[in-house]
Amino acid sequence: VKRQVYDTCKNTRYISPYETLLGSYEEKNEQIPNTYSC
């Protein structure tokens, strides 16, 4: 559910894509890029 909340908030631009409190998709992560984590 938390991932779904992050997706909705990001897609509606309610939060910055750089917000970390709701997690992120680690676009620049060296281990697992583009995977939701917190």
PDB file of all heavy atoms in Angstrom:
ATOM      1  N   VAL A   1       0.839  -1.207   0.000  1.00  0.00           N
ATOM      2  CA  VAL A   1       0.000   0.000   0.000  1.00  0.00           C
ATOM      3  C   VAL A   1       0.870   1.251   0.000  1.00  0.00           C
ATOM      4  O   VAL A   1       0.577   2.234  -0.689  1.00  0.00           O
ATOM      5  CB  VAL A   1      -0.962  -0.004   1.202  1.00  0.00           C
ATOM      6  CG1 VAL A   1      -1.663   1.347   1.339  1.00  0.00           C
ATOM      7  CG2 VAL A   1      -1.996  -1.101   1.055  1.00  0.00           C
ATOM      8  N   LYS A   2       1.955   1.210   0.751  1.00  0.00           N
ATOM      9  CA  LYS A   2       2.845   2.372   0.803  1.00  0.00           C
ATOM     10  C   LYS A   2       3.428   2.660  -0.578  1.00  0.00           C
ATOM     11  O   LYS A   2       3.526   3.823  -0.987  1.00  0.00           O
ATOM     12  CB  LYS A   2       3.967   2.139   1.810  1.00  0.00           C
ATOM     13  CG  LYS A   2       4.875   3.366   1.993  1.00  0.00           C
ATOM     14  CD  LYS A   2       5.837   3.202   3.154  1.00  0.00           C
ATOM     15  CE  LYS A   2       6.664   4.470   3.326  1.00  0.00           C
ATOM     16  NZ  LYS A   2       7.556   4.407   4.497  1.00  0.00           N
ATOM     17  N   ARG A   3       3.798   1.619  -1.305  1.00  0.00           N
ATOM     18  CA  ARG A   3       4.291   1.812  -2.670  1.00  0.00           C
ATOM     19  C   ARG A   3       3.210   2.443  -3.540  1.00  0.00           C
ATOM     20  O   ARG A   3       3.492   3.344  -4.346  1.00  0.00           O
ATOM     21  CB  ARG A   3       4.744   0.488  -3.281  1.00  0.00           C
ATOM     22  CG  ARG A   3       5.300   0.648  -4.703  1.00  0.00           C
ATOM     23  CD  ARG A   3       5.788  -0.657  -5.293  1.00  0.00           C
ATOM     24  NE  ARG A   3       4.686  -1.577  -5.559  1.00  0.00           N
ATOM     25  CZ  ARG A   3       4.838  -2.728  -6.227  1.00  0.00           C
ATOM     26  NH1 ARG A   3       6.035  -3.104  -6.665  1.00  0.00           N
ATOM     27  NH2 ARG A   3       3.812  -3.519  -6.431  1.00  0.00           N
ATOM     28  N   GLN A   4       1.964   2.001  -3.389  1.00  0.00           N
ATOM     29  CA  GLN A   4       0.859   2.562  -4.164  1.00  0.00           C
ATOM     30  C   GLN A   4       0.656   4.038  -3.836  1.00  0.00           C
ATOM     31  O   GLN A   4       0.415   4.866  -4.730  1.00  0.00           O
ATOM     32  CB  GLN A   4      -0.426   1.775  -3.875  1.00  0.00           C
ATOM     33  CG  GLN A   4      -1.626   2.207  -4.703  1.00  0.00           C
ATOM     34  CD  GLN A   4      -2.864   1.416  -4.358  1.00  0.00           C
ATOM     35  OE1 GLN A   4      -3.112   1.102  -3.196  1.00  0.00           O
ATOM     36  NE2 GLN A   4      -3.654   1.079  -5.372  1.00  0.00           N
ATOM     37  N   VAL A   5       0.780   4.393  -2.556  1.00  0.00           N
ATOM     38  CA  VAL A   5       0.660   5.791  -2.143  1.00  0.00           C
ATOM     39  C   VAL A   5       1.762   6.621  -2.779  1.00  0.00           C
ATOM     40  O   VAL A   5       1.515   7.726  -3.296  1.00  0.00           O
ATOM     41  CB  VAL A   5       0.705   5.907  -0.600  1.00  0.00           C
ATOM     42  CG1 VAL A   5       0.827   7.365  -0.169  1.00  0.00           C
ATOM     43  CG2 VAL A   5      -0.532   5.273   0.012  1.00  0.00           C
ATOM     44  N   TYR A   6       2.990   6.110  -2.758  1.00  0.00           N
ATOM     45  CA  TYR A   6       4.096   6.822  -3.384  1.00  0.00           C
ATOM     46  C   TYR A   6       3.829   7.030  -4.872  1.00  0.00           C
ATOM     47  O   TYR A   6       4.020   8.140  -5.400  1.00  0.00           O
ATOM     48  CB  TYR A   6       5.411   6.059  -3.205  1.00  0.00           C
ATOM     49  CG  TYR A   6       6.568   6.695  -3.933  1.00  0.00           C
ATOM     50  CD1 TYR A   6       7.309   7.712  -3.339  1.00  0.00           C
ATOM     51  CD2 TYR A   6       6.894   6.323  -5.229  1.00  0.00           C
ATOM     52  CE1 TYR A   6       8.354   8.328  -4.015  1.00  0.00           C
ATOM     53  CE2 TYR A   6       7.942   6.923  -5.914  1.00  0.00           C
ATOM     54  CZ  TYR A   6       8.664   7.920  -5.304  1.00  0.00           C
ATOM     55  OH  TYR A   6       9.691   8.534  -5.981  1.00  0.00           O
ATOM     56  N   ASP A   7       3.384   5.978  -5.565  1.00  0.00           N
ATOM     57  CA  ASP A   7       3.113   6.071  -7.003  1.00  0.00           C
ATOM     58  C   ASP A   7       2.075   7.148  -7.304  1.00  0.00           C
ATOM     59  O   ASP A   7       2.251   7.972  -8.210  1.00  0.00           O
ATOM     60  CB  ASP A   7       2.616   4.723  -7.546  1.00  0.00           C
ATOM     61  CG  ASP A   7       3.715   3.676  -7.598  1.00  0.00           C
ATOM     62  OD1 ASP A   7       4.900   4.045  -7.506  1.00  0.00           O
ATOM     63  OD2 ASP A   7       3.381   2.480  -7.730  1.00  0.00           O
ATOM     64  N   THR A   8       0.992   7.143  -6.529  1.00  0.00           N
ATOM     65  CA  THR A   8      -0.084   8.118  -6.748  1.00  0.00           C
ATOM     66  C   THR A   8       0.403   9.533  -6.490  1.00  0.00           C
ATOM     67  O   THR A   8       0.153  10.454  -7.280  1.00  0.00           O
ATOM     68  CB  THR A   8      -1.293   7.803  -5.845  1.00  0.00           C
ATOM     69  OG1 THR A   8      -1.787   6.507  -6.165  1.00  0.00           O
ATOM     70  CG2 THR A   8      -2.399   8.833  -6.036  1.00  0.00           C
ATOM     71  N   CYS A   9       1.117   9.729  -5.379  1.00  0.00           N
ATOM     72  CA  CYS A   9       1.608  11.069  -5.036  1.00  0.00           C
ATOM     73  C   CYS A   9       2.600  11.574  -6.085  1.00  0.00           C
ATOM     74  O   CYS A   9       2.573  12.752  -6.466  1.00  0.00           O
ATOM     75  CB  CYS A   9       2.255  11.051  -3.663  1.00  0.00           C
ATOM     76  SG  CYS A   9       1.090  10.876  -2.294  1.00  0.00           S
ATOM     77  N   LYS A  10       3.452  10.689  -6.573  1.00  0.00           N
ATOM     78  CA  LYS A  10       4.436  11.098  -7.572  1.00  0.00           C
ATOM     79  C   LYS A  10       3.757  11.406  -8.910  1.00  0.00           C
ATOM     80  O   LYS A  10       4.066  12.408  -9.563  1.00  0.00           O
ATOM     81  CB  LYS A  10       5.484  10.006  -7.761  1.00  0.00           C
ATOM     82  CG  LYS A  10       6.593  10.396  -8.737  1.00  0.00           C
ATOM     83  CD  LYS A  10       7.642   9.298  -8.854  1.00  0.00           C
ATOM     84  CE  LYS A  10       8.727   9.687  -9.850  1.00  0.00           C
ATOM     85  NZ  LYS A  10       9.751   8.620  -9.993  1.00  0.00           N
ATOM     86  N   ASN A  11       2.819  10.549  -9.310  1.00  0.00           N
ATOM     87  CA  ASN A  11       2.158  10.724 -10.610  1.00  0.00           C
ATOM     88  C   ASN A  11       1.270  11.972 -10.643  1.00  0.00           C
ATOM     89  O   ASN A  11       1.047  12.554 -11.704  1.00  0.00           O
ATOM     90  CB  ASN A  11       1.328   9.490 -10.955  1.00  0.00           C
ATOM     91  CG  ASN A  11       2.192   8.279 -11.254  1.00  0.00           C
ATOM     92  OD1 ASN A  11       3.358   8.417 -11.603  1.00  0.00           O
ATOM     93  ND2 ASN A  11       1.634   7.090 -11.102  1.00  0.00           N
ATOM     94  N   THR A  12       0.744  12.359  -9.493  1.00  0.00           N
ATOM     95  CA  THR A  12      -0.083  13.568  -9.432  1.00  0.00           C
ATOM     96  C   THR A  12       0.742  14.795  -9.058  1.00  0.00           C
ATOM     97  O   THR A  12       0.202  15.877  -8.845  1.00  0.00           O
ATOM     98  CB  THR A  12      -1.218  13.394  -8.407  1.00  0.00           C
ATOM     99  OG1 THR A  12      -0.658  13.084  -7.121  1.00  0.00           O
ATOM    100  CG2 THR A  12      -2.161  12.280  -8.828  1.00  0.00           C
ATOM    101  N   ARG A  13       2.059  14.579  -8.949  1.00  0.00           N
ATOM    102  CA  ARG A  13       3.002  15.648  -8.611  1.00  0.00           C
ATOM    103  C   ARG A  13       2.725  16.264  -7.248  1.00  0.00           C
ATOM    104  O   ARG A  13       3.023  17.432  -7.005  1.00  0.00           O
ATOM    105  CB  ARG A  13       2.995  16.735  -9.698  1.00  0.00           C
ATOM    106  CG  ARG A  13       3.439  16.212 -11.065  1.00  0.00           C
ATOM    107  CD  ARG A  13       3.509  17.310 -12.086  1.00  0.00           C
ATOM    108  NE  ARG A  13       3.941  16.769 -13.390  1.00  0.00           N
ATOM    109  CZ  ARG A  13       4.113  17.498 -14.481  1.00  0.00           C
ATOM    110  NH1 ARG A  13       3.894  18.816 -14.439  1.00  0.00           N
ATOM    111  NH2 ARG A  13       4.501  16.945 -15.611  1.00  0.00           N
ATOM    112  N   TYR A  14       2.133  15.453  -6.372  1.00  0.00           N
ATOM    113  CA  TYR A  14       1.889  15.918  -5.012  1.00  0.00           C
ATOM    114  C   TYR A  14       3.198  15.987  -4.232  1.00  0.00           C
ATOM    115  O   TYR A  14       3.345  16.777  -3.315  1.00  0.00           O
ATOM    116  CB  TYR A  14       0.897  14.991  -4.299  1.00  0.00           C
ATOM    117  CG  TYR A  14       0.500  15.452  -2.921  1.00  0.00           C
ATOM    118  CD1 TYR A  14      -0.415  16.490  -2.755  1.00  0.00           C
ATOM    119  CD2 TYR A  14       1.052  14.871  -1.784  1.00  0.00           C
ATOM    120  CE1 TYR A  14      -0.766  16.931  -1.484  1.00  0.00           C
ATOM    121  CE2 TYR A  14       0.706  15.299  -0.516  1.00  0.00           C
ATOM    122  CZ  TYR A  14      -0.205  16.331  -0.372  1.00  0.00           C
ATOM    123  OH  TYR A  14      -0.551  16.764   0.881  1.00  0.00           O
ATOM    124  N   ILE A  15       4.142  15.116  -4.606  1.00  0.00           N
ATOM    125  CA  ILE A  15       5.454  15.135  -3.969  1.00  0.00           C
ATOM    126  C   ILE A  15       6.525  15.216  -5.045  1.00  0.00           C
ATOM    127  O   ILE A  15       6.295  14.878  -6.205  1.00  0.00           O
ATOM    128  CB  ILE A  15       5.716  13.883  -3.112  1.00  0.00           C
ATOM    129  CG1 ILE A  15       5.666  12.613  -3.968  1.00  0.00           C
ATOM    130  CG2 ILE A  15       4.755  13.795  -1.958  1.00  0.00           C
ATOM    131  CD1 ILE A  15       6.116  11.372  -3.225  1.00  0.00           C
ATOM    132  N   SER A  16       7.688  15.669  -4.646  1.00  0.00           N
ATOM    133  CA  SER A  16       8.829  15.677  -5.541  1.00  0.00           C
ATOM    134  C   SER A  16       9.295  14.248  -5.775  1.00  0.00           C
ATOM    135  O   SER A  16       9.219  13.410  -4.873  1.00  0.00           O
ATOM    136  CB  SER A  16       9.969  16.491  -4.916  1.00  0.00           C
ATOM    137  OG  SER A  16      11.201  16.191  -5.542  1.00  0.00           O
ATOM    138  N   PRO A  17       9.790  13.933  -6.972  1.00  0.00           N
ATOM    139  CA  PRO A  17      10.333  12.593  -7.202  1.00  0.00           C
ATOM    140  C   PRO A  17      11.553  12.296  -6.343  1.00  0.00           C
ATOM    141  O   PRO A  17      11.989  11.157  -6.259  1.00  0.00           O
ATOM    142  CB  PRO A  17      10.700  12.608  -8.691  1.00  0.00           C
ATOM    143  CG  PRO A  17      10.852  14.051  -9.049  1.00  0.00           C
ATOM    144  CD  PRO A  17       9.848  14.765  -8.178  1.00  0.00           C
ATOM    145  N   TYR A  18      12.093  13.339  -5.697  1.00  0.00           N
ATOM    146  CA  TYR A  18      13.260  13.157  -4.846  1.00  0.00           C
ATOM    147  C   TYR A  18      12.883  12.985  -3.374  1.00  0.00           C
ATOM    148  O   TYR A  18      13.746  12.849  -2.526  1.00  0.00           O
ATOM    149  CB  TYR A  18      14.215  14.341  -5.010  1.00  0.00           C
ATOM    150  CG  TYR A  18      14.621  14.547  -6.443  1.00  0.00           C
ATOM    151  CD1 TYR A  18      14.092  15.582  -7.192  1.00  0.00           C
ATOM    152  CD2 TYR A  18      15.523  13.676  -7.070  1.00  0.00           C
ATOM    153  CE1 TYR A  18      14.446  15.756  -8.530  1.00  0.00           C
ATOM    154  CE2 TYR A  18      15.883  13.839  -8.403  1.00  0.00           C
ATOM    155  CZ  TYR A  18      15.344  14.877  -9.125  1.00  0.00           C
ATOM    156  OH  TYR A  18      15.687  15.045 -10.438  1.00  0.00           O
ATOM    157  N   GLU A  19      11.591  13.005  -3.075  1.00  0.00           N
ATOM    158  CA  GLU A  19      11.129  12.790  -1.705  1.00  0.00           C
ATOM    159  C   GLU A  19      11.530  11.388  -1.235  1.00  0.00           C
ATOM    160  O   GLU A  19      11.466  10.429  -1.995  1.00  0.00           O
ATOM    161  CB  GLU A  19       9.606  12.955  -1.646  1.00  0.00           C
ATOM    162  CG  GLU A  19       9.007  12.690  -0.281  1.00  0.00           C
ATOM    163  CD  GLU A  19       9.566  13.622   0.778  1.00  0.00           C
ATOM    164  OE1 GLU A  19       9.290  14.816   0.716  1.00  0.00           O
ATOM    165  OE2 GLU A  19      10.293  13.117   1.645  1.00  0.00           O
ATOM    166  N   THR A  20      11.968  11.275   0.010  1.00  0.00           N
ATOM    167  CA  THR A  20      12.431   9.977   0.508  1.00  0.00           C
ATOM    168  C   THR A  20      11.574   9.407   1.629  1.00  0.00           C
ATOM    169  O   THR A  20      11.659   8.221   1.917  1.00  0.00           O
ATOM    170  CB  THR A  20      13.874  10.093   1.034  1.00  0.00           C
ATOM    171  OG1 THR A  20      13.922  11.063   2.101  1.00  0.00           O
ATOM    172  CG2 THR A  20      14.817  10.498  -0.074  1.00  0.00           C
ATOM    173  N   LEU A  21      10.753  10.199   2.265  1.00  0.00           N
ATOM    174  CA  LEU A  21      10.000   9.716   3.415  1.00  0.00           C
ATOM    175  C   LEU A  21       8.995   8.635   3.032  1.00  0.00           C
ATOM    176  O   LEU A  21       8.660   7.776   3.849  1.00  0.00           O
ATOM    177  CB  LEU A  21       9.284  10.884   4.108  1.00  0.00           C
ATOM    178  CG  LEU A  21      10.199  11.941   4.733  1.00  0.00           C
ATOM    179  CD1 LEU A  21       9.368  13.052   5.359  1.00  0.00           C
ATOM    180  CD2 LEU A  21      11.115  11.319   5.779  1.00  0.00           C
ATOM    181  N   LEU A  22       8.496   8.670   1.804  1.00  0.00           N
ATOM    182  CA  LEU A  22       7.580   7.640   1.325  1.00  0.00           C
ATOM    183  C   LEU A  22       8.303   6.561   0.533  1.00  0.00           C
ATOM    184  O   LEU A  22       7.669   5.665  -0.017  1.00  0.00           O
ATOM    185  CB  LEU A  22       6.470   8.258   0.456  1.00  0.00           C
ATOM    186  CG  LEU A  22       5.362   9.001   1.184  1.00  0.00           C
ATOM    187  CD1 LEU A  22       4.387   9.624   0.190  1.00  0.00           C
ATOM    188  CD2 LEU A  22       4.604   8.057   2.130  1.00  0.00           C
ATOM    189  N   GLY A  23       9.625   6.626   0.482  1.00  0.00           N
ATOM    190  CA  GLY A  23      10.384   5.668  -0.293  1.00  0.00           C
ATOM    191  C   GLY A  23      10.767   6.244  -1.642  1.00  0.00           C
ATOM    192  O   GLY A  23      10.563   7.430  -1.917  1.00  0.00           O
ATOM    193  N   SER A  24      11.317   5.394  -2.516  1.00  0.00           N
ATOM    194  CA  SER A  24      11.700   5.839  -3.846  1.00  0.00           C
ATOM    195  C   SER A  24      11.927   4.618  -4.736  1.00  0.00           C
ATOM    196  O   SER A  24      11.905   3.479  -4.269  1.00  0.00           O
ATOM    197  CB  SER A  24      12.990   6.678  -3.801  1.00  0.00           C
ATOM    198  OG  SER A  24      14.110   5.845  -3.573  1.00  0.00           O
ATOM    199  N   TYR A  25      12.174   4.884  -5.999  1.00  0.00           N
ATOM    200  CA  TYR A  25      12.466   3.812  -6.942  1.00  0.00           C
ATOM    201  C   TYR A  25      13.959   3.690  -7.253  1.00  0.00           C
ATOM    202  O   TYR A  25      14.328   3.011  -8.199  1.00  0.00           O
ATOM    203  CB  TYR A  25      11.661   4.003  -8.230  1.00  0.00           C
ATOM    204  CG  TYR A  25      10.274   3.413  -8.122  1.00  0.00           C
ATOM    205  CD1 TYR A  25       9.237   4.150  -7.556  1.00  0.00           C
ATOM    206  CD2 TYR A  25      10.004   2.122  -8.552  1.00  0.00           C
ATOM    207  CE1 TYR A  25       7.968   3.618  -7.432  1.00  0.00           C
ATOM    208  CE2 TYR A  25       8.741   1.578  -8.431  1.00  0.00           C
ATOM    209  CZ  TYR A  25       7.719   2.333  -7.869  1.00  0.00           C
ATOM    210  OH  TYR A  25       6.463   1.797  -7.743  1.00  0.00           O
ATOM    211  N   GLU A  26      14.784   4.322  -6.468  1.00  0.00           N
ATOM    212  CA  GLU A  26      16.231   4.124  -6.544  1.00  0.00           C
ATOM    213  C   GLU A  26      16.772   4.211  -7.975  1.00  0.00           C
ATOM    214  O   GLU A  26      17.524   3.357  -8.431  1.00  0.00           O
ATOM    215  CB  GLU A  26      16.618   2.748  -5.990  1.00  0.00           C
ATOM    216  CG  GLU A  26      16.158   2.480  -4.584  1.00  0.00           C
ATOM    217  CD  GLU A  26      16.679   1.140  -4.068  1.00  0.00           C
ATOM    218  OE1 GLU A  26      16.350   0.088  -4.639  1.00  0.00           O
ATOM    219  OE2 GLU A  26      17.427   1.160  -3.087  1.00  0.00           O
ATOM    220  N   GLU A  27      16.363   5.238  -8.698  1.00  0.00           N
ATOM    221  CA  GLU A  27      16.793   5.347 -10.100  1.00  0.00           C
ATOM    222  C   GLU A  27      18.304   5.286 -10.255  1.00  0.00           C
ATOM    223  O   GLU A  27      18.827   4.745 -11.230  1.00  0.00           O
ATOM    224  CB  GLU A  27      16.265   6.645 -10.725  1.00  0.00           C
ATOM    225  CG  GLU A  27      14.766   6.653 -11.004  1.00  0.00           C
ATOM    226  CD  GLU A  27      13.937   7.092  -9.806  1.00  0.00           C
ATOM    227  OE1 GLU A  27      14.512   7.239  -8.709  1.00  0.00           O
ATOM    228  OE2 GLU A  27      12.715   7.300  -9.955  1.00  0.00           O
ATOM    229  N   LYS A  28      19.049   5.825  -9.277  1.00  0.00           N
ATOM    230  CA  LYS A  28      20.505   5.870  -9.377  1.00  0.00           C
ATOM    231  C   LYS A  28      21.186   4.813  -8.501  1.00  0.00           C
ATOM    232  O   LYS A  28      22.393   4.845  -8.320  1.00  0.00           O
ATOM    233  CB  LYS A  28      21.003   7.266  -8.990  1.00  0.00           C
ATOM    234  CG  LYS A  28      20.508   8.367  -9.934  1.00  0.00           C
ATOM    235  CD  LYS A  28      21.058   9.717  -9.537  1.00  0.00           C
ATOM    236  CE  LYS A  28      20.562  10.813 -10.477  1.00  0.00           C
ATOM    237  NZ  LYS A  28      21.085  12.150 -10.093  1.00  0.00           N
ATOM    238  N   ASN A  29      20.393   3.874  -7.960  1.00  0.00           N
ATOM    239  CA  ASN A  29      20.973   2.857  -7.099  1.00  0.00           C
ATOM    240  C   ASN A  29      21.851   1.903  -7.895  1.00  0.00           C
ATOM    241  O   ASN A  29      21.452   1.420  -8.952  1.00  0.00           O
ATOM    242  CB  ASN A  29      19.859   2.080  -6.396  1.00  0.00           C
ATOM    243  CG  ASN A  29      20.380   1.112  -5.354  1.00  0.00           C
ATOM    244  OD1 ASN A  29      20.811   0.015  -5.661  1.00  0.00           O
ATOM    245  ND2 ASN A  29      20.340   1.536  -4.101  1.00  0.00           N
ATOM    246  N   GLU A  30      23.048   1.627  -7.396  1.00  0.00           N
ATOM    247  CA  GLU A  30      23.989   0.770  -8.110  1.00  0.00           C
ATOM    248  C   GLU A  30      23.614  -0.708  -8.025  1.00  0.00           C
ATOM    249  O   GLU A  30      23.964  -1.496  -8.893  1.00  0.00           O
ATOM    250  CB  GLU A  30      25.405   0.973  -7.559  1.00  0.00           C
ATOM    251  CG  GLU A  30      25.959   2.376  -7.805  1.00  0.00           C
ATOM    252  CD  GLU A  30      27.351   2.547  -7.234  1.00  0.00           C
ATOM    253  OE1 GLU A  30      27.850   1.574  -6.620  1.00  0.00           O
ATOM    254  OE2 GLU A  30      27.933   3.631  -7.395  1.00  0.00           O
ATOM    255  N   GLN A  31      22.874  -1.091  -6.976  1.00  0.00           N
ATOM    256  CA  GLN A  31      22.537  -2.502  -6.806  1.00  0.00           C
ATOM    257  C   GLN A  31      21.254  -2.887  -7.546  1.00  0.00           C
ATOM    258  O   GLN A  31      21.260  -3.793  -8.383  1.00  0.00           O
ATOM    259  CB  GLN A  31      22.379  -2.831  -5.320  1.00  0.00           C
ATOM    260  CG  GLN A  31      23.677  -2.855  -4.542  1.00  0.00           C
ATOM    261  CD  GLN A  31      23.455  -3.324  -3.112  1.00  0.00           C
ATOM    262  OE1 GLN A  31      22.332  -3.344  -2.607  1.00  0.00           O
ATOM    263  NE2 GLN A  31      24.537  -3.704  -2.450  1.00  0.00           N
ATOM    264  N   ILE A  32      20.158  -2.198  -7.231  1.00  0.00           N
ATOM    265  CA  ILE A  32      18.852  -2.537  -7.806  1.00  0.00           C
ATOM    266  C   ILE A  32      18.194  -1.255  -8.321  1.00  0.00           C
ATOM    267  O   ILE A  32      17.400  -0.627  -7.626  1.00  0.00           O
ATOM    268  CB  ILE A  32      17.919  -3.193  -6.771  1.00  0.00           C
ATOM    269  CG1 ILE A  32      18.596  -4.362  -6.086  1.00  0.00           C
ATOM    270  CG2 ILE A  32      16.628  -3.651  -7.443  1.00  0.00           C
ATOM    271  CD1 ILE A  32      18.684  -5.623  -6.912  1.00  0.00           C
ATOM    272  N   PRO A  33      18.486  -0.833  -9.542  1.00  0.00           N
ATOM    273  CA  PRO A  33      17.871   0.397 -10.052  1.00  0.00           C
ATOM    274  C   PRO A  33      16.386   0.224 -10.369  1.00  0.00           C
ATOM    275  O   PRO A  33      15.941  -0.864 -10.745  1.00  0.00           O
ATOM    276  CB  PRO A  33      18.682   0.676 -11.328  1.00  0.00           C
ATOM    277  CG  PRO A  33      19.176  -0.669 -11.760  1.00  0.00           C
ATOM    278  CD  PRO A  33      19.441  -1.428 -10.498  1.00  0.00           C
ATOM    279  N   ASN A  34      15.630   1.300 -10.172  1.00  0.00           N
ATOM    280  CA  ASN A  34      14.211   1.349 -10.541  1.00  0.00           C
ATOM    281  C   ASN A  34      13.353   0.321  -9.815  1.00  0.00           C
ATOM    282  O   ASN A  34      12.383  -0.211 -10.373  1.00  0.00           O
ATOM    283  CB  ASN A  34      14.056   1.196 -12.055  1.00  0.00           C
ATOM    284  CG  ASN A  34      14.813   2.254 -12.826  1.00  0.00           C
ATOM    285  OD1 ASN A  34      14.699   3.454 -12.540  1.00  0.00           O
ATOM    286  ND2 ASN A  34      15.629   1.828 -13.784  1.00  0.00           N
ATOM    287  N   THR A  35      13.686   0.034  -8.583  1.00  0.00           N
ATOM    288  CA  THR A  35      12.894  -0.872  -7.745  1.00  0.00           C
ATOM    289  C   THR A  35      12.500  -0.130  -6.471  1.00  0.00           C
ATOM    290  O   THR A  35      13.340   0.506  -5.840  1.00  0.00           O
ATOM    291  CB  THR A  35      13.699  -2.142  -7.413  1.00  0.00           C
ATOM    292  OG1 THR A  35      13.849  -2.914  -8.604  1.00  0.00           O
ATOM    293  CG2 THR A  35      12.999  -2.990  -6.367  1.00  0.00           C
ATOM    294  N   TYR A  36      11.233  -0.233  -6.089  1.00  0.00           N
ATOM    295  CA  TYR A  36      10.735   0.520  -4.936  1.00  0.00           C
ATOM    296  C   TYR A  36      11.393   0.039  -3.645  1.00  0.00           C
ATOM    297  O   TYR A  36      11.482  -1.164  -3.376  1.00  0.00           O
ATOM    298  CB  TYR A  36       9.220   0.384  -4.809  1.00  0.00           C
ATOM    299  CG  TYR A  36       8.670   1.110  -3.610  1.00  0.00           C
ATOM    300  CD1 TYR A  36       8.573   2.499  -3.604  1.00  0.00           C
ATOM    301  CD2 TYR A  36       8.292   0.418  -2.467  1.00  0.00           C
ATOM    302  CE1 TYR A  36       8.100   3.178  -2.491  1.00  0.00           C
ATOM    303  CE2 TYR A  36       7.816   1.081  -1.353  1.00  0.00           C
ATOM    304  CZ  TYR A  36       7.720   2.466  -1.372  1.00  0.00           C
ATOM    305  OH  TYR A  36       7.259   3.133  -0.257  1.00  0.00           O
ATOM    306  N   SER A  37      11.823   0.996  -2.855  1.00  0.00           N
ATOM    307  CA  SER A  37      12.452   0.678  -1.578  1.00  0.00           C
ATOM    308  C   SER A  37      12.247   1.828  -0.607  1.00  0.00           C
ATOM    309  O   SER A  37      11.832   2.927  -0.998  1.00  0.00           O
ATOM    310  CB  SER A  37      13.954   0.435  -1.764  1.00  0.00           C
ATOM    311  OG  SER A  37      14.586   1.639  -2.139  1.00  0.00           O
ATOM    312  N   CYS A  38      12.549   1.569   0.645  1.00  0.00           N
ATOM    313  CA  CYS A  38      12.445   2.630   1.653  1.00  0.00           C
ATOM    314  C   CYS A  38      13.470   2.406   2.756  1.00  0.00           C
ATOM    315  O   CYS A  38      13.514   1.342   3.373  1.00  0.00           O
ATOM    316  CB  CYS A  38      11.046   2.670   2.258  1.00  0.00           C
ATOM    317  SG  CYS A  38      10.774   4.116   3.320  1.00  0.00           S
TER     318      CYS A  38
END
